[in-house]
C-alpha atoms as a PDB file:
ATOM      1  CA  UNK A   1       0.065   0.053  -0.117  1.00  0.00           C
ATOM      2  CA  UNK A   2       1.319   3.440  -0.806  1.00  0.00           C
ATOM      3  CA  UNK A   3      -0.271   6.604   0.737  1.00  0.00           C
ATOM      4  CA  UNK A   4       0.455  10.322   1.849  1.00  0.00           C
ATOM      5  CA  UNK A   5      -0.913  12.012   5.084  1.00  0.00           C
ATOM      6  CA  UNK A   6      -3.189  14.904   4.427  1.00  0.00           C
ATOM      7  CA  UNK A   7      -2.473  17.055   7.551  1.00  0.00           C
ATOM      8  CA  UNK A   8      -2.418  20.616   5.560  1.00  0.00           C
ATOM      9  CA  UNK A   9      -4.458  22.171   8.131  1.00  0.00           C
ATOM     10  CA  UNK A  10      -2.778  20.946  11.400  1.00  0.00           C
ATOM     11  CA  UNK A  11       0.908  21.386   9.571  1.00  0.00           C
ATOM     12  CA  UNK A  12       0.196  24.558   7.306  1.00  0.00           C
ATOM     13  CA  UNK A  13       1.617  23.090   4.369  1.00  0.00           C
ATOM     14  CA  UNK A  14       0.297  20.620   1.943  1.00  0.00           C
ATOM     15  CA  UNK A  15       0.927  16.689   1.201  1.00  0.00           C
ATOM     16  CA  UNK A  16       1.983  15.081  -1.826  1.00  0.00           C
ATOM     17  CA  UNK A  17      -1.484  14.889  -3.621  1.00  0.00           C
ATOM     18  CA  UNK A  18      -3.035  11.460  -3.459  1.00  0.00           C
ATOM     19  CA  UNK A  19      -4.816  11.792  -7.048  1.00  0.00           C
ATOM     20  CA  UNK A  20      -0.887  11.973  -8.280  1.00  0.00           C
ATOM     21  CA  UNK A  21      -0.255   8.542  -5.931  1.00  0.00           C
ATOM     22  CA  UNK A  22      -3.199   6.976  -7.709  1.00  0.00           C
ATOM     23  CA  UNK A  23      -2.216   7.837 -10.836  1.00  0.00           C
ATOM     24  CA  UNK A  24       1.536   6.569 -10.478  1.00  0.00           C
ATOM     25  CA  UNK A  25       0.410   3.179  -9.222  1.00  0.00           C
ATOM     26  CA  UNK A  26      -1.798   2.294 -11.726  1.00  0.00           C
ATOM     27  CA  UNK A  27       1.172   1.702 -13.822  1.00  0.00           C
ATOM     28  CA  UNK A  28       2.040  -1.056 -11.009  1.00  0.00           C
ATOM     29  CA  UNK A  29      -1.189  -2.271 -10.668  1.00  0.00           C
ATOM     30  CA  UNK A  30       0.730  -5.879  -9.857  1.00  0.00           C
ATOM     31  CA  UNK A  31       2.769  -4.564  -6.539  1.00  0.00           C
ATOM     32  CA  UNK A  32       1.015  -1.445  -5.731  1.00  0.00           C
ATOM     33  CA  UNK A  33      -2.325  -0.708  -3.873  1.00  0.00           C
ATOM     34  CA  UNK A  34      -2.958   3.175  -3.715  1.00  0.00           C
ATOM     35  CA  UNK A  35      -4.809   4.778  -0.508  1.00  0.00           C
ATOM     36  CA  UNK A  36      -6.076   8.159  -0.220  1.00  0.00           C
ATOM     37  CA  UNK A  37      -5.427  10.633   2.496  1.00  0.00           C
ATOM     38  CA  UNK A  38      -8.095  13.384   3.387  1.00  0.00           C
ATOM     39  CA  UNK A  39      -7.844  15.935   6.193  1.00  0.00           C
ATOM     40  CA  UNK A  40     -10.633  15.304   8.285  1.00  0.00           C
ATOM     41  CA  UNK A  41     -10.547  18.942   9.609  1.00  0.00           C
ATOM     42  CA  UNK A  42     -11.574  20.120   5.970  1.00  0.00           C
ATOM     43  CA  UNK A  43     -15.228  18.866   6.736  1.00  0.00           C
ATOM     44  CA  UNK A  44     -17.596  18.394   4.142  1.00  0.00           C
ATOM     45  CA  UNK A  45     -14.756  19.125   1.872  1.00  0.00           C
ATOM     46  CA  UNK A  46     -12.926  15.451   2.861  1.00  0.00           C
ATOM     47  CA  UNK A  47     -15.921  13.464   2.475  1.00  0.00           C
ATOM     48  CA  UNK A  48     -16.094  15.008  -1.230  1.00  0.00           C
ATOM     49  CA  UNK A  49     -12.869  14.359  -1.911  1.00  0.00           C
ATOM     50  CA  UNK A  50     -12.793  10.854  -0.519  1.00  0.00           C
ATOM     51  CA  UNK A  51     -15.602  10.259  -2.901  1.00  0.00           C
ATOM     52  CA  UNK A  52     -13.611  11.652  -6.078  1.00  0.00           C
ATOM     53  CA  UNK A  53     -10.386   9.523  -5.015  1.00  0.00           C
ATOM     54  CA  UNK A  54     -12.754   6.170  -4.821  1.00  0.00           C
ATOM     55  CA  UNK A  55     -15.103   6.701  -7.785  1.00  0.00           C
ATOM     56  CA  UNK A  56     -12.623   8.522 -10.044  1.00  0.00           C
ATOM     57  CA  UNK A  57      -9.221   7.698  -9.322  1.00  0.00           C
ATOM     58  CA  UNK A  58      -9.974   3.974  -7.481  1.00  0.00           C
ATOM     59  CA  UNK A  59      -7.992   3.961  -4.053  1.00  0.00           C
ATOM     60  CA  UNK A  60      -8.590   1.060  -2.314  1.00  0.00           C
ATOM     61  CA  UNK A  61      -8.435   2.630   1.092  1.00  0.00           C
ATOM     62  CA  UNK A  62      -7.656   5.677   3.483  1.00  0.00           C
ATOM     63  CA  UNK A  63      -4.716   6.361   5.660  1.00  0.00           C
ATOM     64  CA  UNK A  64      -5.630   8.741   8.906  1.00  0.00           C
ATOM     65  CA  UNK A  65      -2.813   9.883  11.343  1.00  0.00           C
ATOM     66  CA  UNK A  66      -4.732  11.571  14.219  1.00  0.00           C
ATOM     67  CA  UNK A  67      -1.699  12.962  16.021  1.00  0.00           C
ATOM     68  CA  UNK A  68      -0.330  14.621  12.872  1.00  0.00           C
ATOM     69  CA  UNK A  69      -3.501  15.716  11.405  1.00  0.00           C
ATOM     70  CA  UNK A  70      -4.814  17.226  14.464  1.00  0.00           C
ATOM     71  CA  UNK A  71      -8.090  15.609  15.523  1.00  0.00           C
ATOM     72  CA  UNK A  72      -9.735  13.195  17.871  1.00  0.00           C
ATOM     73  CA  UNK A  73     -11.145  10.365  16.041  1.00  0.00           C
ATOM     74  CA  UNK A  74     -14.074   9.566  17.909  1.00  0.00           C
ATOM     75  CA  UNK A  75     -15.809  13.356  17.753  1.00  0.00           C
ATOM     76  CA  UNK A  76     -18.749  13.204  16.068  1.00  0.00           C
ATOM     77  CA  UNK A  77     -17.676  15.926  13.833  1.00  0.00           C
ATOM     78  CA  UNK A  78     -16.158  13.318  11.619  1.00  0.00           C
ATOM     79  CA  UNK A  79     -18.204  10.549  11.848  1.00  0.00           C
ATOM     80  CA  UNK A  80     -20.100  11.614   8.194  1.00  0.00           C
ATOM     81  CA  UNK A  81     -16.740  10.846   6.678  1.00  0.00           C
ATOM     82  CA  UNK A  82     -16.732   7.265   8.259  1.00  0.00           C
ATOM     83  CA  UNK A  83     -20.419   6.997   6.956  1.00  0.00           C
ATOM     84  CA  UNK A  84     -19.293   8.045   3.423  1.00  0.00           C
ATOM     85  CA  UNK A  85     -16.034   5.405   3.543  1.00  0.00           C
ATOM     86  CA  UNK A  86     -18.373   2.728   4.900  1.00  0.00           C
ATOM     87  CA  UNK A  87     -20.666   3.418   2.499  1.00  0.00           C
ATOM     88  CA  UNK A  88     -18.040   2.734   0.064  1.00  0.00           C
ATOM     89  CA  UNK A  89     -16.659  -0.025   1.463  1.00  0.00           C
ATOM     90  CA  UNK A  90     -13.104   0.946   1.380  1.00  0.00           C
ATOM     91  CA  UNK A  91     -10.603  -0.022   4.934  1.00  0.00           C
ATOM     92  CA  UNK A  92      -9.554   2.932   6.955  1.00  0.00           C
ATOM     93  CA  UNK A  93      -5.997   2.414   8.154  1.00  0.00           C
ATOM     94  CA  UNK A  94      -5.130   4.713  11.337  1.00  0.00           C
ATOM     95  CA  UNK A  95      -1.812   5.374  12.837  1.00  0.00           C
ATOM     96  CA  UNK A  96      -2.086   4.606  16.721  1.00  0.00           C
ATOM     97  CA  UNK A  97       0.425   4.423  19.413  1.00  0.00           C
ATOM     98  CA  UNK A  98       4.071   6.274  19.590  1.00  0.00           C
ATOM     99  CA  UNK A  99       4.951   8.370  16.265  1.00  0.00           C
ATOM    100  CA  UNK A 100       8.876   8.996  15.326  1.00  0.00           C
ATOM    101  CA  UNK A 101       7.543  12.546  13.873  1.00  0.00           C
ATOM    102  CA  UNK A 102       8.720  15.162  16.703  1.00  0.00           C
ATOM    103  CA  UNK A 103      10.889  12.596  18.811  1.00  0.00           C
ATOM    104  CA  UNK A 104      13.148  14.258  20.657  1.00  0.00           C
ATOM    105  CA  UNK A 105      12.193  17.627  20.008  1.00  0.00           C
ATOM    106  CA  UNK A 106      10.933  20.164  22.319  1.00  0.00           C
ATOM    107  CA  UNK A 107       7.316  19.562  22.903  1.00  0.00           C
ATOM    108  CA  UNK A 108       7.455  16.532  20.376  1.00  0.00           C
ATOM    109  CA  UNK A 109       7.254  19.621  17.892  1.00  0.00           C
ATOM    110  CA  UNK A 110       3.399  20.010  19.168  1.00  0.00           C
ATOM    111  CA  UNK A 111       2.130  16.731  18.155  1.00  0.00           C
ATOM    112  CA  UNK A 112      -0.238  14.809  20.299  1.00  0.00           C
ATOM    113  CA  UNK A 113       0.296  10.798  21.184  1.00  0.00           C
ATOM    114  CA  UNK A 114      -2.954  10.940  23.026  1.00  0.00           C
ATOM    115  CA  UNK A 115      -4.779  11.330  19.533  1.00  0.00           C
ATOM    116  CA  UNK A 116      -3.593   8.202  18.275  1.00  0.00           C
ATOM    117  CA  UNK A 117      -4.665   6.145  21.640  1.00  0.00           C
ATOM    118  CA  UNK A 118      -6.652   3.210  19.993  1.00  0.00           C
ATOM    119  CA  UNK A 119      -9.443   3.250  22.592  1.00  0.00           C
ATOM    120  CA  UNK A 120     -10.765   6.435  20.629  1.00  0.00           C
ATOM    121  CA  UNK A 121     -11.100   4.304  17.500  1.00  0.00           C
ATOM    122  CA  UNK A 122     -12.817   1.698  19.525  1.00  0.00           C
ATOM    123  CA  UNK A 123     -16.118   4.089  19.565  1.00  0.00           C
ATOM    124  CA  UNK A 124     -15.757   4.361  15.509  1.00  0.00           C
ATOM    125  CA  UNK A 125     -15.620   0.664  14.962  1.00  0.00           C
ATOM    126  CA  UNK A 126     -18.330   0.144  17.507  1.00  0.00           C
ATOM    127  CA  UNK A 127     -20.781   3.090  15.519  1.00  0.00           C
ATOM    128  CA  UNK A 128     -19.510   1.974  12.085  1.00  0.00           C
ATOM    129  CA  UNK A 129     -19.295  -1.698  12.014  1.00  0.00           C
ATOM    130  CA  UNK A 130     -19.390  -2.236   8.190  1.00  0.00           C
ATOM    131  CA  UNK A 131     -15.985   0.034   8.231  1.00  0.00           C
ATOM    132  CA  UNK A 132     -12.818  -1.886   8.228  1.00  0.00           C
ATOM    133  CA  UNK A 133     -10.497  -0.221  11.022  1.00  0.00           C
ATOM    134  CA  UNK A 134      -6.830  -1.213  10.907  1.00  0.00           C
ATOM    135  CA  UNK A 135      -4.794  -0.409  13.828  1.00  0.00           C
ATOM    136  CA  UNK A 136      -1.302   0.423  12.750  1.00  0.00           C
ATOM    137  CA  UNK A 137       1.669  -0.323  14.135  1.00  0.00           C
ATOM    138  CA  UNK A 138      -0.317  -2.477  16.633  1.00  0.00           C
ATOM    139  CA  UNK A 139      -1.044   0.615  18.852  1.00  0.00           C
ATOM    140  CA  UNK A 140       2.537  -0.253  20.582  1.00  0.00           C
ATOM    141  CA  UNK A 141       2.878   1.091  23.420  1.00  0.00           C
ATOM    142  CA  UNK A 142      -0.946   0.167  23.875  1.00  0.00           C
ATOM    143  CA  UNK A 143      -0.994  -3.159  22.160  1.00  0.00           C
ATOM    144  CA  UNK A 144      -2.807  -4.536  24.482  1.00  0.00           C
ATOM    145  CA  UNK A 145      -5.771  -2.244  24.146  1.00  0.00           C
ATOM    146  CA  UNK A 146      -5.183  -3.232  20.950  1.00  0.00           C
ATOM    147  CA  UNK A 147      -5.257  -6.552  20.831  1.00  0.00           C
ATOM    148  CA  UNK A 148      -8.617  -6.232  23.096  1.00  0.00           C
ATOM    149  CA  UNK A 149     -10.172  -4.278  20.296  1.00  0.00           C
ATOM    150  CA  UNK A 150      -9.053  -6.904  17.413  1.00  0.00           C
ATOM    151  CA  UNK A 151     -10.521 -10.004  19.500  1.00  0.00           C
ATOM    152  CA  UNK A 152     -13.725  -8.015  20.881  1.00  0.00           C
ATOM    153  CA  UNK A 153     -14.517  -6.282  17.462  1.00  0.00           C
ATOM    154  CA  UNK A 154     -15.117  -7.994  13.814  1.00  0.00           C
ATOM    155  CA  UNK A 155     -13.997  -4.649  11.690  1.00  0.00           C
ATOM    156  CA  UNK A 156     -11.026  -4.284  13.900  1.00  0.00           C
ATOM    157  CA  UNK A 157      -7.560  -5.400  12.361  1.00  0.00           C
ATOM    158  CA  UNK A 158      -3.867  -4.976  13.471  1.00  0.00           C
ATOM    159  CA  UNK A 159      -0.461  -3.860  11.238  1.00  0.00           C
ATOM    160  CA  UNK A 160       2.921  -4.878  12.169  1.00  0.00           C
ATOM    161  CA  UNK A 161       4.670  -2.186  10.253  1.00  0.00           C
ATOM    162  CA  UNK A 162       6.729   0.620  12.121  1.00  0.00           C
ATOM    163  CA  UNK A 163       8.677  -2.132  14.131  1.00  0.00           C
ATOM    164  CA  UNK A 164      11.045  -4.655  13.411  1.00  0.00           C
ATOM    165  CA  UNK A 165       9.532  -8.164  14.323  1.00  0.00           C
ATOM    166  CA  UNK A 166      12.344  -8.879  16.783  1.00  0.00           C
ATOM    167  CA  UNK A 167      11.110  -5.838  19.164  1.00  0.00           C
ATOM    168  CA  UNK A 168       7.216  -7.276  18.809  1.00  0.00           C
ATOM    169  CA  UNK A 169       5.984  -7.444  22.298  1.00  0.00           C
ATOM    170  CA  UNK A 170       5.225 -11.542  23.131  1.00  0.00           C
ATOM    171  CA  UNK A 171       1.487 -11.023  23.875  1.00  0.00           C
ATOM    172  CA  UNK A 172       1.746  -9.637  20.239  1.00  0.00           C
ATOM    173  CA  UNK A 173       3.348 -12.523  18.971  1.00  0.00           C
ATOM    174  CA  UNK A 174       1.142 -14.958  20.909  1.00  0.00           C
ATOM    175  CA  UNK A 175      -1.882 -13.664  19.569  1.00  0.00           C
ATOM    176  CA  UNK A 176      -1.014 -13.387  16.041  1.00  0.00           C
ATOM    177  CA  UNK A 177       0.062 -16.964  16.087  1.00  0.00           C
ATOM    178  CA  UNK A 178      -3.668 -17.827  17.823  1.00  0.00           C
ATOM    179  CA  UNK A 179      -6.529 -16.221  18.154  1.00  0.00           C
ATOM    180  CA  UNK A 180      -5.762 -13.414  15.850  1.00  0.00           C
ATOM    181  CA  UNK A 181      -4.055 -15.249  13.198  1.00  0.00           C
ATOM    182  CA  UNK A 182      -6.944 -13.946  10.357  1.00  0.00           C
ATOM    183  CA  UNK A 183      -6.461 -10.560  11.714  1.00  0.00           C
ATOM    184  CA  UNK A 184      -2.766  -9.369  11.257  1.00  0.00           C
ATOM    185  CA  UNK A 185      -1.301  -7.976   8.751  1.00  0.00           C
ATOM    186  CA  UNK A 186       2.252  -7.270   7.203  1.00  0.00           C
ATOM    187  CA  UNK A 187       3.593  -3.835   6.870  1.00  0.00           C
ATOM    188  CA  UNK A 188       7.083  -2.521   7.073  1.00  0.00           C
ATOM    189  CA  UNK A 189       6.392   1.450   7.086  1.00  0.00           C
ATOM    190  CA  UNK A 190       8.786   1.930   4.525  1.00  0.00           C
ATOM    191  CA  UNK A 191      11.353   4.136   4.835  1.00  0.00           C
ATOM    192  CA  UNK A 192      11.480   3.591   8.738  1.00  0.00           C
ATOM    193  CA  UNK A 193      11.636  -0.134   8.342  1.00  0.00           C
ATOM    194  CA  UNK A 194      12.770  -1.437   4.965  1.00  0.00           C
ATOM    195  CA  UNK A 195      10.687  -4.223   3.753  1.00  0.00           C
ATOM    196  CA  UNK A 196      14.180  -6.556   3.419  1.00  0.00           C
ATOM    197  CA  UNK A 197      14.911  -5.668   7.261  1.00  0.00           C
ATOM    198  CA  UNK A 198      11.410  -6.611   8.186  1.00  0.00           C
ATOM    199  CA  UNK A 199      11.106  -9.947   6.538  1.00  0.00           C
ATOM    200  CA  UNK A 200      14.708 -10.745   7.581  1.00  0.00           C
ATOM    201  CA  UNK A 201      13.543 -10.628  11.227  1.00  0.00           C
ATOM    202  CA  UNK A 202      10.356 -11.989  10.468  1.00  0.00           C
ATOM    203  CA  UNK A 203      11.685 -15.171   9.370  1.00  0.00           C
ATOM    204  CA  UNK A 204      13.448 -15.641  12.709  1.00  0.00           C
ATOM    205  CA  UNK A 205      10.380 -15.076  14.591  1.00  0.00           C
ATOM    206  CA  UNK A 206       8.398 -18.112  16.586  1.00  0.00           C
ATOM    207  CA  UNK A 207       5.428 -17.832  14.009  1.00  0.00           C
ATOM    208  CA  UNK A 208       3.742 -21.189  12.930  1.00  0.00           C
ATOM    209  CA  UNK A 209       4.303 -21.597   9.047  1.00  0.00           C
ATOM    210  CA  UNK A 210       0.813 -22.044   8.713  1.00  0.00           C
ATOM    211  CA  UNK A 211       0.308 -18.308   9.878  1.00  0.00           C
ATOM    212  CA  UNK A 212       3.241 -16.987   7.655  1.00  0.00           C
ATOM    213  CA  UNK A 213       1.343 -17.059   4.643  1.00  0.00           C
ATOM    214  CA  UNK A 214      -1.863 -15.090   6.396  1.00  0.00           C
ATOM    215  CA  UNK A 215       0.021 -12.341   7.749  1.00  0.00           C
ATOM    216  CA  UNK A 216       2.603 -11.858   4.629  1.00  0.00           C
ATOM    217  CA  UNK A 217      -0.357 -11.544   2.083  1.00  0.00           C
ATOM    218  CA  UNK A 218      -3.822 -13.788   2.291  1.00  0.00           C
ATOM    219  CA  UNK A 219      -5.347 -11.201   5.329  1.00  0.00           C
ATOM    220  CA  UNK A 220      -4.710  -8.414   3.560  1.00  0.00           C
ATOM    221  CA  UNK A 221      -5.904  -9.718   0.182  1.00  0.00           C
ATOM    222  CA  UNK A 222      -9.091 -10.428   2.008  1.00  0.00           C
ATOM    223  CA  UNK A 223      -9.249  -7.106   3.485  1.00  0.00           C
ATOM    224  CA  UNK A 224      -8.852  -4.903   0.507  1.00  0.00           C
ATOM    225  CA  UNK A 225     -11.036  -7.044  -1.296  1.00  0.00           C
ATOM    226  CA  UNK A 226      -8.667  -8.666  -3.487  1.00  0.00           C
ATOM    227  CA  UNK A 227      -9.429 -12.337  -2.605  1.00  0.00           C
ATOM    228  CA  UNK A 228     -12.663 -13.957  -0.633  1.00  0.00           C
END
């Protein structure tokens, strides 16, 4: 999946356009799946743009970063956007947990980690049961909350990006190997972690052989509507 994060309102500067990303991805459709990004703070304009990105540009899902975009995801102000995404049956990928953006800077560059608390998305998943909600980075260091949500709600999934597998908490490895084997998705978070490094470290992880293909491909293919 390839995407940007549209945080123009919060950051005061435009992001690469999702339309351009989708256009480039069409030339590599065998390996690239374009996700869109809209700025939730723009209200109805975000809803209209989301519809155009799906209907006119073929994006297959949407990426949100509450801490970077400066919004509280369970605020009902943003429910019309979720309603549209649920209607269009496209998955959502939310940054959750720690972020390296602003790390080590005074005030963390003003970025508020609490906006990426996964429990804020529990409200969203409950109120929009037809909306797939993917918790990026398994919400580390709030991974226990993420595991609870994914085991409780059929429409909540975890992705494993942003951390080398050798640093995964043991409880995350345990549920990925068992009760959440069909709800955990590969991700590298390139360029922060390269796919080659992630796959090398994943090969050394104590994951059952029959689970590896689920995590690396099959689960994501089902979530993206590329396979039954």
